[in-house]
Amino acid sequence: IPYYFQYFIVENGICKSYDFKIKGKPLIIEVDGDFWHGNPCQPNHYDKVDCVRKNDKIKDDIAQKNGIRVIRLWESDIRKDPSIVLKHMV
């Protein structure tokens, strides 16, 4: 599947970076690290995880305003079953 790595959207002077953008499709895939993004299934999290989550929400809103769907996947879920990415793209 052709994709862009580190796709950027600029809106109102705010620039946000996204992990992957599927070429020719209005679809972004964000891989959320368990530690940094605060996976509830993990015992330890980054001490500023609330700030990370607020930024994630801003990124989701900006993408959606631009007609792009965002899929967020946990790092540990991809490690367990890499095909989960394709299952969520449908």
N, C-alpha and C. Protein backbone atom coordinates (compact mmCIF):
# COMPACT_ATOMS: atom_id res chain seq x y z
N ILE A 1 0.85 -1.18 0.00
CA ILE A 1 0.00 0.00 0.00
C ILE A 1 0.89 1.23 0.00
N PRO A 2 0.79 2.06 -1.01
CA PRO A 2 1.61 3.28 -1.06
C PRO A 2 1.19 4.27 0.04
N TYR A 3 2.18 4.88 0.68
CA TYR A 3 1.88 5.79 1.77
C TYR A 3 2.97 6.86 1.88
N TYR A 4 2.61 7.94 2.58
CA TYR A 4 3.57 8.98 2.96
C TYR A 4 3.93 8.74 4.43
N PHE A 5 5.19 8.87 4.74
CA PHE A 5 5.66 8.79 6.12
C PHE A 5 5.87 10.21 6.61
N GLN A 6 5.36 10.52 7.80
CA GLN A 6 5.43 11.86 8.36
C GLN A 6 4.71 12.86 7.44
N TYR A 7 3.42 12.72 7.40
CA TYR A 7 2.56 13.59 6.60
C TYR A 7 2.21 14.82 7.44
N PHE A 8 2.23 16.00 6.82
CA PHE A 8 1.98 17.24 7.55
C PHE A 8 0.71 17.92 7.06
N ILE A 9 -0.03 18.48 8.02
CA ILE A 9 -1.17 19.34 7.72
C ILE A 9 -0.94 20.65 8.45
N VAL A 10 -1.10 21.76 7.72
CA VAL A 10 -0.98 23.09 8.33
C VAL A 10 -2.35 23.74 8.27
N GLU A 11 -2.80 24.21 9.44
CA GLU A 11 -4.09 24.88 9.51
C GLU A 11 -3.98 26.06 10.48
N ASN A 12 -4.32 27.24 10.00
CA ASN A 12 -4.27 28.45 10.83
C ASN A 12 -2.92 28.63 11.51
N GLY A 13 -1.87 28.37 10.78
CA GLY A 13 -0.52 28.55 11.31
C GLY A 13 -0.05 27.43 12.22
N ILE A 14 -0.88 26.41 12.42
CA ILE A 14 -0.50 25.27 13.26
C ILE A 14 -0.13 24.11 12.33
N CYS A 15 1.06 23.56 12.54
CA CYS A 15 1.54 22.45 11.72
C CYS A 15 1.55 21.18 12.58
N LYS A 16 0.89 20.16 12.09
CA LYS A 16 0.85 18.89 12.80
C LYS A 16 1.40 17.79 11.90
N SER A 17 2.14 16.89 12.51
CA SER A 17 2.75 15.77 11.81
C SER A 17 2.01 14.48 12.16
N TYR A 18 1.78 13.67 11.15
CA TYR A 18 1.08 12.40 11.32
C TYR A 18 1.99 11.28 10.86
N ASP A 19 1.84 10.11 11.46
CA ASP A 19 2.73 9.00 11.18
C ASP A 19 2.67 8.55 9.71
N PHE A 20 1.48 8.21 9.24
CA PHE A 20 1.32 7.70 7.88
C PHE A 20 0.06 8.25 7.24
N LYS A 21 0.14 8.58 5.96
CA LYS A 21 -1.02 8.98 5.16
C LYS A 21 -1.05 8.06 3.95
N ILE A 22 -2.18 7.41 3.74
CA ILE A 22 -2.32 6.51 2.59
C ILE A 22 -2.46 7.36 1.33
N LYS A 23 -1.59 7.10 0.36
CA LYS A 23 -1.62 7.89 -0.89
C LYS A 23 -2.94 7.67 -1.63
N GLY A 24 -3.53 8.78 -2.06
CA GLY A 24 -4.77 8.73 -2.85
C GLY A 24 -6.01 8.45 -2.03
N LYS A 25 -5.89 8.35 -0.72
CA LYS A 25 -7.04 8.07 0.15
C LYS A 25 -7.07 9.10 1.28
N PRO A 26 -8.25 9.48 1.73
CA PRO A 26 -8.35 10.40 2.87
C PRO A 26 -8.21 9.63 4.19
N LEU A 27 -7.03 9.05 4.40
CA LEU A 27 -6.82 8.17 5.55
C LEU A 27 -5.42 8.36 6.14
N ILE A 28 -5.40 8.61 7.44
CA ILE A 28 -4.16 8.73 8.20
C ILE A 28 -4.13 7.61 9.22
N ILE A 29 -2.95 7.04 9.43
CA ILE A 29 -2.76 6.04 10.47
C ILE A 29 -1.75 6.57 11.47
N GLU A 30 -2.18 6.62 12.72
CA GLU A 30 -1.31 7.04 13.81
C GLU A 30 -0.99 5.81 14.66
N VAL A 31 0.27 5.58 14.92
CA VAL A 31 0.69 4.49 15.79
C VAL A 31 1.05 5.12 17.14
N ASP A 32 0.19 4.85 18.11
CA ASP A 32 0.37 5.44 19.44
C ASP A 32 1.21 4.52 20.31
N GLY A 33 2.36 5.04 20.71
CA GLY A 33 3.23 4.28 21.61
C GLY A 33 2.54 4.09 22.95
N ASP A 34 2.62 2.88 23.48
CA ASP A 34 1.94 2.55 24.74
C ASP A 34 2.37 3.47 25.88
N PHE A 35 3.65 3.71 26.01
CA PHE A 35 4.18 4.54 27.08
C PHE A 35 3.81 6.01 26.87
N TRP A 36 4.11 6.55 25.69
CA TRP A 36 3.94 7.98 25.42
C TRP A 36 2.49 8.42 25.37
N HIS A 37 1.62 7.55 24.85
CA HIS A 37 0.22 7.93 24.66
C HIS A 37 -0.70 7.38 25.74
N GLY A 38 -0.16 6.59 26.66
CA GLY A 38 -0.92 6.15 27.83
C GLY A 38 -1.89 5.01 27.60
N ASN A 39 -1.43 3.95 26.96
CA ASN A 39 -2.29 2.79 26.77
C ASN A 39 -2.79 2.30 28.13
N PRO A 40 -4.13 2.22 28.31
CA PRO A 40 -4.65 1.80 29.61
C PRO A 40 -4.28 0.36 29.98
N CYS A 41 -3.84 -0.43 29.02
CA CYS A 41 -3.43 -1.81 29.30
C CYS A 41 -1.99 -1.91 29.81
N GLN A 42 -1.29 -0.79 29.84
CA GLN A 42 0.10 -0.77 30.28
C GLN A 42 0.21 -0.13 31.66
N PRO A 43 1.13 -0.62 32.48
CA PRO A 43 1.23 -0.12 33.86
C PRO A 43 1.88 1.26 34.00
N ASN A 44 2.78 1.62 33.09
CA ASN A 44 3.52 2.88 33.22
C ASN A 44 3.28 3.77 32.02
N HIS A 45 3.22 5.09 32.30
CA HIS A 45 3.01 6.06 31.23
C HIS A 45 3.93 7.26 31.42
N TYR A 46 4.11 7.98 30.33
CA TYR A 46 4.84 9.24 30.32
C TYR A 46 4.18 10.19 31.31
N ASP A 47 4.98 10.92 32.07
CA ASP A 47 4.41 11.77 33.12
C ASP A 47 3.58 12.94 32.58
N LYS A 48 3.71 13.25 31.30
CA LYS A 48 2.92 14.32 30.70
C LYS A 48 1.95 13.77 29.66
N VAL A 49 1.44 12.56 29.92
CA VAL A 49 0.56 11.89 28.96
C VAL A 49 -0.70 12.70 28.68
N ASP A 50 -1.17 13.49 29.64
CA ASP A 50 -2.36 14.31 29.40
C ASP A 50 -2.10 15.34 28.29
N CYS A 51 -0.90 15.90 28.26
CA CYS A 51 -0.54 16.85 27.19
C CYS A 51 -0.48 16.14 25.84
N VAL A 52 0.03 14.94 25.83
CA VAL A 52 0.11 14.15 24.59
C VAL A 52 -1.31 13.86 24.07
N ARG A 53 -2.18 13.49 24.98
CA ARG A 53 -3.57 13.19 24.58
C ARG A 53 -4.29 14.43 24.06
N LYS A 54 -4.04 15.58 24.65
CA LYS A 54 -4.64 16.83 24.15
C LYS A 54 -4.14 17.13 22.74
N ASN A 55 -2.84 16.92 22.51
CA ASN A 55 -2.29 17.13 21.18
C ASN A 55 -2.88 16.13 20.18
N ASP A 56 -3.07 14.89 20.60
CA ASP A 56 -3.69 13.89 19.73
C ASP A 56 -5.09 14.34 19.32
N LYS A 57 -5.83 14.89 20.24
CA LYS A 57 -7.19 15.36 19.94
C LYS A 57 -7.16 16.52 18.94
N ILE A 58 -6.23 17.43 19.12
CA ILE A 58 -6.07 18.54 18.17
C ILE A 58 -5.74 17.99 16.79
N LYS A 59 -4.82 17.04 16.73
CA LYS A 59 -4.44 16.44 15.45
C LYS A 59 -5.63 15.75 14.78
N ASP A 60 -6.41 15.01 15.56
CA ASP A 60 -7.60 14.34 15.01
C ASP A 60 -8.58 15.36 14.45
N ASP A 61 -8.81 16.44 15.20
CA ASP A 61 -9.76 17.47 14.77
C ASP A 61 -9.29 18.15 13.47
N ILE A 62 -8.01 18.46 13.39
CA ILE A 62 -7.48 19.11 12.18
C ILE A 62 -7.62 18.18 10.97
N ALA A 63 -7.27 16.93 11.14
CA ALA A 63 -7.39 15.98 10.03
C ALA A 63 -8.85 15.85 9.59
N GLN A 64 -9.75 15.71 10.55
CA GLN A 64 -11.16 15.56 10.22
C GLN A 64 -11.72 16.79 9.53
N LYS A 65 -11.29 17.98 9.95
CA LYS A 65 -11.73 19.22 9.29
C LYS A 65 -11.26 19.25 7.84
N ASN A 66 -10.18 18.54 7.55
CA ASN A 66 -9.64 18.47 6.19
C ASN A 66 -10.15 17.24 5.44
N GLY A 67 -11.17 16.59 5.98
CA GLY A 67 -11.79 15.46 5.31
C GLY A 67 -10.98 14.17 5.35
N ILE A 68 -10.11 14.06 6.34
CA ILE A 68 -9.24 12.89 6.44
C ILE A 68 -9.59 12.10 7.70
N ARG A 69 -9.85 10.83 7.53
CA ARG A 69 -10.14 9.93 8.64
C ARG A 69 -8.83 9.54 9.33
N VAL A 70 -8.87 9.46 10.65
CA VAL A 70 -7.69 9.07 11.43
C VAL A 70 -7.96 7.74 12.12
N ILE A 71 -7.06 6.81 11.92
CA ILE A 71 -7.11 5.53 12.63
C ILE A 71 -5.95 5.55 13.61
N ARG A 72 -6.25 5.30 14.87
CA ARG A 72 -5.21 5.23 15.91
C ARG A 72 -5.08 3.79 16.38
N LEU A 73 -3.85 3.30 16.36
CA LEU A 73 -3.58 1.93 16.78
C LEU A 73 -2.50 1.93 17.85
N TRP A 74 -2.66 1.08 18.85
CA TRP A 74 -1.65 0.95 19.89
C TRP A 74 -0.47 0.16 19.39
N GLU A 75 0.69 0.60 19.76
CA GLU A 75 1.95 -0.06 19.42
C GLU A 75 1.89 -1.55 19.77
N SER A 76 1.43 -1.89 20.97
CA SER A 76 1.40 -3.29 21.41
C SER A 76 0.44 -4.13 20.58
N ASP A 77 -0.66 -3.53 20.11
CA ASP A 77 -1.60 -4.28 19.27
C ASP A 77 -0.97 -4.63 17.92
N ILE A 78 -0.21 -3.70 17.37
CA ILE A 78 0.47 -3.97 16.08
C ILE A 78 1.55 -5.03 16.26
N ARG A 79 2.25 -4.98 17.38
CA ARG A 79 3.28 -5.99 17.64
C ARG A 79 2.66 -7.39 17.75
N LYS A 80 1.50 -7.47 18.38
CA LYS A 80 0.82 -8.77 18.53
C LYS A 80 0.30 -9.30 17.20
N ASP A 81 -0.25 -8.39 16.39
CA ASP A 81 -0.87 -8.80 15.13
C ASP A 81 -0.76 -7.67 14.11
N PRO A 82 0.32 -7.68 13.31
CA PRO A 82 0.51 -6.59 12.34
C PRO A 82 -0.65 -6.44 11.35
N SER A 83 -1.39 -7.51 11.10
CA SER A 83 -2.50 -7.40 10.13
C SER A 83 -3.64 -6.54 10.67
N ILE A 84 -3.57 -6.15 11.93
CA ILE A 84 -4.60 -5.28 12.51
C ILE A 84 -4.70 -3.96 11.73
N VAL A 85 -3.58 -3.54 11.16
CA VAL A 85 -3.58 -2.29 10.40
C VAL A 85 -4.53 -2.42 9.21
N LEU A 86 -4.43 -3.50 8.46
CA LEU A 86 -5.29 -3.69 7.30
C LEU A 86 -6.76 -3.87 7.71
N LYS A 87 -6.98 -4.52 8.82
CA LYS A 87 -8.36 -4.73 9.29
C LYS A 87 -9.05 -3.41 9.60
N HIS A 88 -8.32 -2.43 10.07
CA HIS A 88 -8.90 -1.13 10.41
C HIS A 88 -9.06 -0.21 9.20
N MET A 89 -8.41 -0.54 8.10
CA MET A 89 -8.48 0.31 6.92
C MET A 89 -9.78 0.13 6.14
N VAL A 90 -10.51 -0.90 6.43
CA VAL A 90 -11.74 -1.18 5.69
C VAL A 90 -12.84 -0.24 6.09
